[in-house]
Amino acid sequence: MPLGGMTFTGISSGPALSIRPDRHDLAQLELGMASGDLYSWTIGTIRQFKLPYKVEVPQFGQIEGPKEVNLLPKFPYKQATLTIAGTGRFNDLGRFIAEFENQFPYIRLLNLTMEPAGNQTLGDAEKLNFKVDVVTLIKPNAS
């Protein structure tokens, strides 16, 4: 029985459960994955997504990759990593991070560091400086 784009099999034979994604859903996800100029694609994606949020992201590092994904053996995708830094209030930053990862299931924000922003006024008491690695999967056979 399909459930949320997944097909469950093997239920009748005990606790073993096999999950396999629907090929159409996987193809749809791959349409949004990074391809072409990875640096421009990643920066453009972040800049476009952050527009409705009160989060500033003025610093973009150099992109690393494409390289093999080191999490799973024989994984059919490669990955690229870009470090970004910026500022935002605690709640705005938390909402931005959560909604970013929900919007882009093929991108992860890792190694987040936060510290109070310097020179804060009374109204900016919750403002934070942050730094995070943006790790994105790369579309297979992308040119």
Protein backbone atom coordinates (compact mmCIF):
# COMPACT_ATOMS: atom_id res chain seq x y z
CA MET A 1 0.00 0.00 0.00
CA PRO A 2 1.55 3.37 -1.02
CA LEU A 3 1.93 5.82 1.84
CA GLY A 4 3.43 9.25 1.25
CA GLY A 5 5.29 8.14 -1.86
CA MET A 6 6.72 5.04 -0.15
CA THR A 7 5.76 1.43 -0.72
CA PHE A 8 5.83 -0.90 2.26
CA THR A 9 6.47 -4.62 1.72
CA GLY A 10 7.32 -7.62 3.86
CA ILE A 11 4.90 -6.83 6.69
CA SER A 12 3.34 -10.30 6.84
CA SER A 13 6.65 -12.10 7.49
CA GLY A 14 7.39 -10.51 10.86
CA PRO A 15 9.14 -7.33 11.92
CA ALA A 16 11.19 -6.90 8.71
CA LEU A 17 10.03 -3.86 6.76
CA SER A 18 11.33 -2.80 3.38
CA ILE A 19 10.79 0.76 2.19
CA ARG A 20 11.41 1.76 -1.41
CA PRO A 21 10.68 5.21 -2.83
CA ASP A 22 8.34 5.60 -5.77
CA ARG A 23 10.51 6.17 -8.88
CA HIS A 24 8.30 9.07 -10.00
CA ASP A 25 8.80 10.83 -6.64
CA LEU A 26 12.55 10.31 -6.84
CA ALA A 27 12.65 11.72 -10.37
CA GLN A 28 10.69 14.77 -9.17
CA LEU A 29 13.19 15.34 -6.33
CA GLU A 30 16.12 15.04 -8.72
CA LEU A 31 14.67 17.88 -10.84
CA GLY A 32 15.39 20.27 -7.97
CA MET A 33 18.89 19.03 -7.19
CA ALA A 34 22.01 21.05 -7.87
CA SER A 35 23.39 20.91 -11.39
CA GLY A 36 25.55 23.03 -13.66
CA ASP A 37 27.47 25.80 -11.86
CA LEU A 38 27.20 24.49 -8.28
CA TYR A 39 28.35 27.74 -6.65
CA SER A 40 25.79 29.87 -8.49
CA TRP A 41 23.03 27.29 -8.00
CA THR A 42 23.60 27.08 -4.24
CA ILE A 43 23.88 30.83 -3.67
CA GLY A 44 20.85 31.52 -5.87
CA THR A 45 18.79 28.91 -4.03
CA ILE A 46 19.69 30.35 -0.61
CA ARG A 47 19.12 33.98 -1.66
CA GLN A 48 15.75 33.21 -3.21
CA PHE A 49 14.58 31.13 -0.25
CA LYS A 50 15.60 33.67 2.42
CA LEU A 51 13.58 36.56 0.94
CA PRO A 52 10.55 36.23 3.28
CA TYR A 53 12.72 35.65 6.39
CA LYS A 54 14.38 38.21 8.65
CA VAL A 55 17.76 36.51 8.23
CA GLU A 56 20.77 38.15 6.59
CA VAL A 57 23.27 35.93 4.74
CA PRO A 58 26.03 38.20 3.40
CA GLN A 59 28.93 35.74 3.54
CA PHE A 60 29.43 32.78 1.22
CA GLY A 61 32.58 30.65 1.32
CA GLN A 62 34.17 28.65 -1.47
CA ILE A 63 32.31 25.57 -2.63
CA GLU A 64 33.92 22.17 -2.06
CA GLY A 65 32.98 19.45 -4.51
CA PRO A 66 31.58 17.69 -6.22
CA LYS A 67 32.87 14.78 -4.23
CA GLU A 68 31.67 11.34 -3.18
CA VAL A 69 29.08 11.17 -0.41
CA ASN A 70 30.87 9.73 2.60
CA LEU A 71 27.75 8.75 4.55
CA LEU A 72 26.64 5.68 2.57
CA PRO A 73 28.65 3.26 0.41
CA LYS A 74 27.74 3.08 -3.30
CA PHE A 75 25.40 6.08 -2.97
CA PRO A 76 24.42 7.20 -6.50
CA TYR A 77 24.86 10.94 -5.81
CA LYS A 78 27.77 13.27 -5.21
CA GLN A 79 27.75 16.20 -2.80
CA ALA A 80 29.01 19.77 -2.63
CA THR A 81 29.52 21.85 0.51
CA LEU A 82 29.41 25.63 0.93
CA THR A 83 29.83 27.51 4.22
CA ILE A 84 27.57 30.52 4.78
CA ALA A 85 27.47 33.08 7.59
CA GLY A 86 25.00 35.73 8.64
CA THR A 87 22.79 37.18 11.34
CA GLY A 88 19.24 36.79 12.54
CA ARG A 89 17.08 36.75 15.64
CA PHE A 90 16.90 33.39 17.39
CA ASN A 91 13.30 32.57 16.39
CA ASP A 92 13.70 33.81 12.80
CA LEU A 93 16.89 31.79 12.36
CA GLY A 94 15.29 28.64 13.79
CA ARG A 95 12.28 28.96 11.48
CA PHE A 96 14.54 29.63 8.47
CA ILE A 97 16.65 26.52 9.15
CA ALA A 98 13.67 24.22 9.76
CA GLU A 99 11.73 25.39 6.72
CA PHE A 100 14.83 25.34 4.50
CA GLU A 101 15.49 21.66 5.26
CA ASN A 102 11.79 20.83 4.80
CA GLN A 103 11.66 22.64 1.45
CA PHE A 104 14.89 21.03 0.16
CA PRO A 105 15.12 17.38 1.33
CA TYR A 106 18.33 16.94 -0.70
CA ILE A 107 20.14 19.74 1.20
CA ARG A 108 21.32 19.59 4.81
CA LEU A 109 22.56 22.36 7.06
CA LEU A 110 25.41 20.98 9.19
CA ASN A 111 27.90 22.23 11.80
CA LEU A 112 25.77 25.19 12.88
CA THR A 113 27.50 27.61 15.23
CA MET A 114 25.78 30.61 16.81
CA GLU A 115 26.94 33.42 19.08
CA PRO A 116 25.46 36.71 20.24
CA ALA A 117 25.89 39.45 17.65
CA GLY A 118 28.21 42.27 18.71
CA ASN A 119 27.05 45.85 19.30
CA GLN A 120 23.45 44.94 20.05
CA THR A 121 20.87 47.56 20.95
CA LEU A 122 18.12 46.88 23.46
CA GLY A 123 15.73 45.76 20.67
CA ASP A 124 18.28 43.34 19.19
CA ALA A 125 18.96 41.31 22.33
CA GLU A 126 18.14 38.03 20.55
CA LYS A 127 20.22 38.73 17.44
CA LEU A 128 22.79 36.05 16.66
CA ASN A 129 25.71 35.61 14.30
CA PHE A 130 25.65 32.16 12.71
CA LYS A 131 27.81 30.01 10.49
CA VAL A 132 26.65 26.77 8.85
CA ASP A 133 27.75 24.30 6.19
CA VAL A 134 25.24 23.82 3.36
CA VAL A 135 25.63 20.28 1.97
CA THR A 136 23.70 19.58 -1.22
CA LEU A 137 23.33 16.45 -3.30
CA ILE A 138 24.17 16.82 -6.98
CA LYS A 139 21.88 15.60 -9.69
CA PRO A 140 23.25 12.42 -11.32
CA ASN A 141 24.62 12.93 -14.84
CA ALA A 142 24.46 16.70 -14.38
CA SER A 143 26.57 18.69 -16.78
